[in-house]
PDB file of N, CA and C in Angstrom:
ATOM      1  N   MET A   1    -122.719  64.964 -37.115  1.00  0.00           N
ATOM      2  CA  MET A   1    -122.887  65.149 -35.699  1.00  0.00           C
ATOM      3  C   MET A   1    -121.568  65.536 -35.032  1.00  0.00           C
ATOM      4  N   VAL A   2    -120.492  64.982 -35.547  1.00  0.00           N
ATOM      5  CA  VAL A   2    -119.175  65.288 -35.000  1.00  0.00           C
ATOM      6  C   VAL A   2    -118.826  66.753 -35.259  1.00  0.00           C
ATOM      7  N   VAL A   3    -119.154  67.236 -36.449  1.00  0.00           N
ATOM      8  CA  VAL A   3    -118.861  68.633 -36.792  1.00  0.00           C
ATOM      9  C   VAL A   3    -119.633  69.579 -35.869  1.00  0.00           C
ATOM     10  N   LEU A   4    -120.893  69.295 -35.629  1.00  0.00           N
ATOM     11  CA  LEU A   4    -121.695  70.130 -34.734  1.00  0.00           C
ATOM     12  C   LEU A   4    -121.145  70.115 -33.312  1.00  0.00           C
ATOM     13  N   THR A   5    -120.686  68.964 -32.861  1.00  0.00           N
ATOM     14  CA  THR A   5    -120.104  68.871 -31.520  1.00  0.00           C
ATOM     15  C   THR A   5    -118.825  69.689 -31.417  1.00  0.00           C
ATOM     16  N   VAL A   6    -117.983  69.598 -32.436  1.00  0.00           N
ATOM     17  CA  VAL A   6    -116.738  70.367 -32.443  1.00  0.00           C
ATOM     18  C   VAL A   6    -117.038  71.865 -32.462  1.00  0.00           C
ATOM     19  N   LEU A   7    -117.997  72.288 -33.294  1.00  0.00           N
ATOM     20  CA  LEU A   7    -118.365  73.702 -33.339  1.00  0.00           C
ATOM     21  C   LEU A   7    -118.942  74.176 -32.008  1.00  0.00           C
ATOM     22  N   TYR A   8    -119.741  73.346 -31.370  1.00  0.00           N
ATOM     23  CA  TYR A   8    -120.319  73.700 -30.072  1.00  0.00           C
ATOM     24  C   TYR A   8    -119.227  73.858 -29.012  1.00  0.00           C
ATOM     25  N   VAL A   9    -118.295  72.931 -28.980  1.00  0.00           N
ATOM     26  CA  VAL A   9    -117.196  73.008 -28.006  1.00  0.00           C
ATOM     27  C   VAL A   9    -116.329  74.235 -28.287  1.00  0.00           C
ATOM     28  N   TYR A  10    -116.026  74.494 -29.555  1.00  0.00           N
ATOM     29  CA  TYR A  10    -115.220  75.663 -29.926  1.00  0.00           C
ATOM     30  C   TYR A  10    -115.909  76.948 -29.477  1.00  0.00           C
ATOM     31  N   TYR A  11    -117.186  77.078 -29.775  1.00  0.00           N
ATOM     32  CA  TYR A  11    -117.923  78.288 -29.410  1.00  0.00           C
ATOM     33  C   TYR A  11    -118.015  78.437 -27.891  1.00  0.00           C
ATOM     34  N   THR A  12    -118.253  77.334 -27.196  1.00  0.00           N
ATOM     35  CA  THR A  12    -118.355  77.383 -25.733  1.00  0.00           C
ATOM     36  C   THR A  12    -117.033  77.818 -25.102  1.00  0.00           C
ATOM     37  N   VAL A  13    -115.938  77.260 -25.578  1.00  0.00           N
ATOM     38  CA  VAL A  13    -114.625  77.663 -25.058  1.00  0.00           C
ATOM     39  C   VAL A  13    -114.366  79.128 -25.388  1.00  0.00           C
ATOM     40  N   TRP A  14    -114.714  79.547 -26.591  1.00  0.00           N
ATOM     41  CA  TRP A  14    -114.484  80.929 -27.025  1.00  0.00           C
ATOM     42  C   TRP A  14    -115.264  81.916 -26.163  1.00  0.00           C
ATOM     43  N   MET A  15    -116.519  81.615 -25.895  1.00  0.00           N
ATOM     44  CA  MET A  15    -117.363  82.556 -25.169  1.00  0.00           C
ATOM     45  C   MET A  15    -117.230  82.462 -23.646  1.00  0.00           C
ATOM     46  N   LEU A  16    -116.968  81.277 -23.106  1.00  0.00           N
ATOM     47  CA  LEU A  16    -116.992  81.114 -21.658  1.00  0.00           C
ATOM     48  C   LEU A  16    -115.621  80.985 -21.003  1.00  0.00           C
ATOM     49  N   ILE A  17    -114.653  80.420 -21.724  1.00  0.00           N
ATOM     50  CA  ILE A  17    -113.360  80.141 -21.103  1.00  0.00           C
ATOM     51  C   ILE A  17    -112.339  81.234 -21.406  1.00  0.00           C
ATOM     52  N   THR A  18    -112.264  81.673 -22.668  1.00  0.00           N
ATOM     53  CA  THR A  18    -111.223  82.643 -23.026  1.00  0.00           C
ATOM     54  C   THR A  18    -111.342  83.991 -22.325  1.00  0.00           C
ATOM     55  N   PRO A  19    -112.509  84.467 -21.912  1.00  0.00           N
ATOM     56  CA  PRO A  19    -112.525  85.752 -21.192  1.00  0.00           C
ATOM     57  C   PRO A  19    -111.772  85.716 -19.855  1.00  0.00           C
ATOM     58  N   VAL A  20    -111.642  84.549 -19.249  1.00  0.00           N
ATOM     59  CA  VAL A  20    -110.977  84.472 -17.945  1.00  0.00           C
ATOM     60  C   VAL A  20    -109.511  84.034 -18.059  1.00  0.00           C
ATOM     61  N   ILE A  21    -109.056  83.765 -19.276  1.00  0.00           N
ATOM     62  CA  ILE A  21    -107.658  83.376 -19.497  1.00  0.00           C
ATOM     63  C   ILE A  21    -106.865  84.629 -19.863  1.00  0.00           C
ATOM     64  N   ASP A  22    -105.634  84.688 -19.426  1.00  0.00           N
ATOM     65  CA  ASP A  22    -104.750  85.808 -19.735  1.00  0.00           C
ATOM     66  C   ASP A  22    -104.585  85.941 -21.249  1.00  0.00           C
ATOM     67  N   GLU A  23    -104.490  87.186 -21.729  1.00  0.00           N
ATOM     68  CA  GLU A  23    -104.386  87.413 -23.175  1.00  0.00           C
ATOM     69  C   GLU A  23    -103.089  86.880 -23.768  1.00  0.00           C
ATOM     70  N   ALA A  24    -102.077  86.665 -22.978  1.00  0.00           N
ATOM     71  CA  ALA A  24    -100.806  86.140 -23.475  1.00  0.00           C
ATOM     72  C   ALA A  24    -100.788  84.618 -23.546  1.00  0.00           C
ATOM     73  N   HIS A  25    -101.827  83.982 -23.070  1.00  0.00           N
ATOM     74  CA  HIS A  25    -101.893  82.514 -23.073  1.00  0.00           C
ATOM     75  C   HIS A  25    -101.952  82.006 -24.518  1.00  0.00           C
ATOM     76  N   TYR A  26    -101.311  80.851 -24.770  1.00  0.00           N
ATOM     77  CA  TYR A  26    -101.256  80.316 -26.143  1.00  0.00           C
ATOM     78  C   TYR A  26    -102.635  79.946 -26.693  1.00  0.00           C
ATOM     79  N   LEU A  27    -103.588  79.643 -25.830  1.00  0.00           N
ATOM     80  CA  LEU A  27    -104.935  79.265 -26.268  1.00  0.00           C
ATOM     81  C   LEU A  27    -105.658  80.422 -26.959  1.00  0.00           C
ATOM     82  N   GLN A  28    -105.295  81.652 -26.625  1.00  0.00           N
ATOM     83  CA  GLN A  28    -105.942  82.829 -27.211  1.00  0.00           C
ATOM     84  C   GLN A  28    -105.665  82.966 -28.716  1.00  0.00           C
ATOM     85  N   ARG A  29    -104.634  82.300 -29.218  1.00  0.00           N
ATOM     86  CA  ARG A  29    -104.307  82.383 -30.650  1.00  0.00           C
ATOM     87  C   ARG A  29    -105.371  81.742 -31.525  1.00  0.00           C
ATOM     88  N   PHE A  30    -106.134  80.796 -30.983  1.00  0.00           N
ATOM     89  CA  PHE A  30    -107.097  80.038 -31.777  1.00  0.00           C
ATOM     90  C   PHE A  30    -108.462  80.710 -31.894  1.00  0.00           C
ATOM     91  N   PHE A  31    -108.634  81.835 -31.233  1.00  0.00           N
ATOM     92  CA  PHE A  31    -109.938  82.489 -31.196  1.00  0.00           C
ATOM     93  C   PHE A  31    -109.815  83.935 -31.645  1.00  0.00           C
ATOM     94  N   PRO A  32    -110.857  84.439 -32.344  1.00  0.00           N
ATOM     95  CA  PRO A  32    -110.857  85.866 -32.715  1.00  0.00           C
ATOM     96  C   PRO A  32    -110.890  86.739 -31.462  1.00  0.00           C
ATOM     97  N   ILE A  33    -110.387  87.932 -31.607  1.00  0.00           N
ATOM     98  CA  ILE A  33    -110.333  88.857 -30.479  1.00  0.00           C
ATOM     99  C   ILE A  33    -111.737  89.325 -30.077  1.00  0.00           C
ATOM    100  N   GLU A  34    -112.549  89.653 -31.045  1.00  0.00           N
ATOM    101  CA  GLU A  34    -113.858  90.240 -30.768  1.00  0.00           C
ATOM    102  C   GLU A  34    -114.894  89.165 -30.448  1.00  0.00           C
ATOM    103  N   ARG A  35    -115.283  89.077 -29.209  1.00  0.00           N
ATOM    104  CA  ARG A  35    -116.334  88.139 -28.812  1.00  0.00           C
ATOM    105  C   ARG A  35    -117.707  88.661 -29.197  1.00  0.00           C
ATOM    106  N   GLU A  36    -117.817  89.976 -29.367  1.00  0.00           N
ATOM    107  CA  GLU A  36    -119.099  90.568 -29.737  1.00  0.00           C
ATOM    108  C   GLU A  36    -119.587  90.059 -31.087  1.00  0.00           C
ATOM    109  N   SER A  37    -118.655  89.823 -32.007  1.00  0.00           N
ATOM    110  CA  SER A  37    -119.051  89.320 -33.324  1.00  0.00           C
ATOM    111  C   SER A  37    -119.649  87.919 -33.208  1.00  0.00           C
ATOM    112  N   GLY A  38    -119.120  87.102 -32.315  1.00  0.00           N
ATOM    113  CA  GLY A  38    -119.682  85.765 -32.087  1.00  0.00           C
ATOM    114  C   GLY A  38    -121.067  85.831 -31.487  1.00  0.00           C
ATOM    115  N   LEU A  39    -121.269  86.752 -30.557  1.00  0.00           N
ATOM    116  CA  LEU A  39    -122.597  86.918 -29.966  1.00  0.00           C
ATOM    117  C   LEU A  39    -123.607  87.442 -30.977  1.00  0.00           C
ATOM    118  N   MET A  40    -123.167  88.390 -31.820  1.00  0.00           N
ATOM    119  CA  MET A  40    -124.075  88.921 -32.844  1.00  0.00           C
ATOM    120  C   MET A  40    -124.437  87.841 -33.863  1.00  0.00           C
ATOM    121  N   PHE A  41    -123.465  87.023 -34.238  1.00  0.00           N
ATOM    122  CA  PHE A  41    -123.725  85.962 -35.207  1.00  0.00           C
ATOM    123  C   PHE A  41    -124.734  84.963 -34.668  1.00  0.00           C
ATOM    124  N   THR A  42    -124.560  84.529 -33.422  1.00  0.00           N
ATOM    125  CA  THR A  42    -125.490  83.550 -32.865  1.00  0.00           C
ATOM    126  C   THR A  42    -126.871  84.152 -32.636  1.00  0.00           C
ATOM    127  N   THR A  43    -126.935  85.435 -32.290  1.00  0.00           N
ATOM    128  CA  THR A  43    -128.228  86.101 -32.140  1.00  0.00           C
ATOM    129  C   THR A  43    -128.935  86.176 -33.486  1.00  0.00           C
ATOM    130  N   LEU A  44    -128.223  86.563 -34.518  1.00  0.00           N
ATOM    131  CA  LEU A  44    -128.806  86.624 -35.858  1.00  0.00           C
ATOM    132  C   LEU A  44    -129.258  85.246 -36.324  1.00  0.00           C
ATOM    133  N   LEU A  45    -128.455  84.231 -36.064  1.00  0.00           N
ATOM    134  CA  LEU A  45    -128.815  82.865 -36.428  1.00  0.00           C
ATOM    135  C   LEU A  45    -130.063  82.414 -35.680  1.00  0.00           C
ATOM    136  N   GLY A  46    -130.158  82.735 -34.405  1.00  0.00           N
ATOM    137  CA  GLY A  46    -131.339  82.376 -33.615  1.00  0.00           C
ATOM    138  C   GLY A  46    -132.598  83.062 -34.119  1.00  0.00           C
ATOM    139  N   TYR A  47    -132.499  84.368 -34.414  1.00  0.00           N
ATOM    140  CA  TYR A  47    -133.657  85.087 -34.948  1.00  0.00           C
ATOM    141  C   TYR A  47    -134.092  84.516 -36.294  1.00  0.00           C
ATOM    142  N   THR A  48    -133.133  84.162 -37.129  1.00  0.00           N
ATOM    143  CA  THR A  48    -133.457  83.585 -38.428  1.00  0.00           C
ATOM    144  C   THR A  48    -134.156  82.244 -38.273  1.00  0.00           C
ATOM    145  N   GLN A  49    -133.653  81.404 -37.393  1.00  0.00           N
ATOM    146  CA  GLN A  49    -134.284  80.099 -37.162  1.00  0.00           C
ATOM    147  C   GLN A  49    -135.691  80.259 -36.610  1.00  0.00           C
ATOM    148  N   LEU A  50    -135.873  81.171 -35.667  1.00  0.00           N
ATOM    149  CA  LEU A  50    -137.208  81.399 -35.111  1.00  0.00           C
ATOM    150  C   LEU A  50    -138.175  81.934 -36.159  1.00  0.00           C
ATOM    151  N   SER A  51    -137.721  82.828 -37.019  1.00  0.00           N
ATOM    152  CA  SER A  51    -138.613  83.361 -38.043  1.00  0.00           C
ATOM    153  C   SER A  51    -139.020  82.276 -39.041  1.00  0.00           C
ATOM    154  N   PHE A  52    -138.085  81.403 -39.422  1.00  0.00           N
ATOM    155  CA  PHE A  52    -138.441  80.294 -40.308  1.00  0.00           C
ATOM    156  C   PHE A  52    -139.408  79.332 -39.631  1.00  0.00           C
ATOM    157  N   PHE A  53    -139.177  79.051 -38.358  1.00  0.00           N
ATOM    158  CA  PHE A  53    -140.056  78.152 -37.619  1.00  0.00           C
ATOM    159  C   PHE A  53    -141.470  78.713 -37.533  1.00  0.00           C
ATOM    160  N   PHE A  54    -141.615  79.963 -37.116  1.00  0.00           N
ATOM    161  CA  PHE A  54    -142.939  80.538 -36.963  1.00  0.00           C
ATOM    162  C   PHE A  54    -143.633  80.750 -38.303  1.00  0.00           C
ATOM    163  N   THR A  55    -142.879  81.029 -39.345  1.00  0.00           N
ATOM    164  CA  THR A  55    -143.471  81.128 -40.682  1.00  0.00           C
ATOM    165  C   THR A  55    -144.004  79.771 -41.117  1.00  0.00           C
ATOM    166  N   PHE A  56    -143.232  78.722 -40.892  1.00  0.00           N
ATOM    167  CA  PHE A  56    -143.672  77.370 -41.241  1.00  0.00           C
ATOM    168  C   PHE A  56    -144.928  76.984 -40.476  1.00  0.00           C
ATOM    169  N   VAL A  57    -144.942  77.244 -39.164  1.00  0.00           N
ATOM    170  CA  VAL A  57    -146.109  76.906 -38.355  1.00  0.00           C
ATOM    171  C   VAL A  57    -147.323  77.713 -38.803  1.00  0.00           C
ATOM    172  N   GLY A  58    -147.143  78.987 -39.080  1.00  0.00           N
ATOM    173  CA  GLY A  58    -148.252  79.822 -39.542  1.00  0.00           C
ATOM    174  C   GLY A  58    -148.819  79.344 -40.863  1.00  0.00           C
ATOM    175  N   VAL A  59    -147.960  79.024 -41.800  1.00  0.00           N
ATOM    176  CA  VAL A  59    -148.427  78.528 -43.099  1.00  0.00           C
ATOM    177  C   VAL A  59    -149.125  77.184 -42.937  1.00  0.00           C
ATOM    178  N   ALA A  60    -148.592  76.314 -42.097  1.00  0.00           N
ATOM    179  CA  ALA A  60    -149.213  75.008 -41.871  1.00  0.00           C
ATOM    180  C   ALA A  60    -150.590  75.164 -41.229  1.00  0.00           C
ATOM    181  N   LEU A  61    -150.728  76.077 -40.292  1.00  0.00           N
ATOM    182  CA  LEU A  61    -152.031  76.309 -39.663  1.00  0.00           C
ATOM    183  C   LEU A  61    -153.045  76.850 -40.653  1.00  0.00           C
ATOM    184  N   VAL A  62    -152.623  77.773 -41.487  1.00  0.00           N
ATOM    185  CA  VAL A  62    -153.543  78.344 -42.471  1.00  0.00           C
ATOM    186  C   VAL A  62    -153.925  77.307 -43.518  1.00  0.00           C
ATOM    187  N   MET A  63    -152.968  76.525 -43.965  1.00  0.00           N
ATOM    188  CA  MET A  63    -153.247  75.532 -45.011  1.00  0.00           C
ATOM    189  C   MET A  63    -154.168  74.412 -44.509  1.00  0.00           C
ATOM    190  N   THR A  64    -154.061  74.046 -43.239  1.00  0.00           N
ATOM    191  CA  THR A  64    -154.910  72.976 -42.715  1.00  0.00           C
ATOM    192  C   THR A  64    -156.224  73.499 -42.166  1.00  0.00           C
ATOM    193  N   GLY A  65    -156.348  74.795 -42.004  1.00  0.00           N
ATOM    194  CA  GLY A  65    -157.596  75.365 -41.510  1.00  0.00           C
ATOM    195  C   GLY A  65    -157.768  75.199 -40.012  1.00  0.00           C
ATOM    196  N   LYS A  66    -156.719  74.954 -39.270  1.00  0.00           N
ATOM    197  CA  LYS A  66    -156.811  74.741 -37.829  1.00  0.00           C
ATOM    198  C   LYS A  66    -156.802  76.045 -37.035  1.00  0.00           C
ATOM    199  N   HIS A  67    -156.456  77.135 -37.680  1.00  0.00           N
ATOM    200  CA  HIS A  67    -156.401  78.410 -36.978  1.00  0.00           C
ATOM    201  C   HIS A  67    -157.788  79.033 -36.949  1.00  0.00           C
ATOM    202  N   PRO A  68    -158.293  79.399 -35.772  1.00  0.00           N
ATOM    203  CA  PRO A  68    -159.629  79.969 -35.687  1.00  0.00           C
ATOM    204  C   PRO A  68    -159.704  81.343 -36.349  1.00  0.00           C
ATOM    205  N   GLY A  69    -160.739  81.550 -37.106  1.00  0.00           N
ATOM    206  CA  GLY A  69    -160.967  82.852 -37.720  1.00  0.00           C
ATOM    207  C   GLY A  69    -160.322  83.045 -39.069  1.00  0.00           C
ATOM    208  N   ILE A  70    -159.587  82.069 -39.567  1.00  0.00           N
ATOM    209  CA  ILE A  70    -158.957  82.189 -40.878  1.00  0.00           C
ATOM    210  C   ILE A  70    -159.461  81.057 -41.744  1.00  0.00           C
ATOM    211  N   GLU A  71    -159.906  81.431 -42.926  1.00  0.00           N
ATOM    212  CA  GLU A  71    -160.402  80.403 -43.842  1.00  0.00           C
ATOM    213  C   GLU A  71    -159.236  79.676 -44.490  1.00  0.00           C
ATOM    214  N   THR A  72    -159.481  78.430 -44.872  1.00  0.00           N
ATOM    215  CA  THR A  72    -158.458  77.618 -45.511  1.00  0.00           C
ATOM    216  C   THR A  72    -158.173  78.153 -46.908  1.00  0.00           C
ATOM    217  N   ILE A  73    -156.896  78.243 -47.256  1.00  0.00           N
ATOM    218  CA  ILE A  73    -156.494  78.675 -48.568  1.00  0.00           C
ATOM    219  C   ILE A  73    -156.397  77.443 -49.450  1.00  0.00           C
ATOM    220  N   ASP A  74    -157.070  77.477 -50.565  1.00  0.00           N
ATOM    221  CA  ASP A  74    -157.044  76.338 -51.479  1.00  0.00           C
ATOM    222  C   ASP A  74    -155.789  76.424 -52.323  1.00  0.00           C
ATOM    223  N   ALA A  75    -154.956  75.414 -52.263  1.00  0.00           N
ATOM    224  CA  ALA A  75    -153.685  75.418 -52.977  1.00  0.00           C
ATOM    225  C   ALA A  75    -153.861  75.228 -54.479  1.00  0.00           C
ATOM    226  N   ASP A  76    -155.025  74.743 -54.918  1.00  0.00           N
ATOM    227  CA  ASP A  76    -155.243  74.494 -56.332  1.00  0.00           C
ATOM    228  C   ASP A  76    -155.582  75.760 -57.110  1.00  0.00           C
ATOM    229  N   SER A  77    -156.053  76.781 -56.449  1.00  0.00           N
ATOM    230  CA  SER A  77    -156.469  77.984 -57.183  1.00  0.00           C
ATOM    231  C   SER A  77    -155.431  79.053 -57.182  1.00  0.00           C
TER     232      SER A  77
END
């Protein structure tokens, strides 16, 4: 939990605070120059998480037969 908190604070400072700080400030040394790469990484991570979530929900619905119009798939066959 501590690692996730540190990563969250680091990312938040990188994306929200460093754009308004002068480039010569010492704090800028701790962050990559390209903020676009951070945005692309988090977007890719979000899309990946959503695809895994919806795949899991879809498979669970089909396996339990709760989805209307789709027959239950028998796992034994």
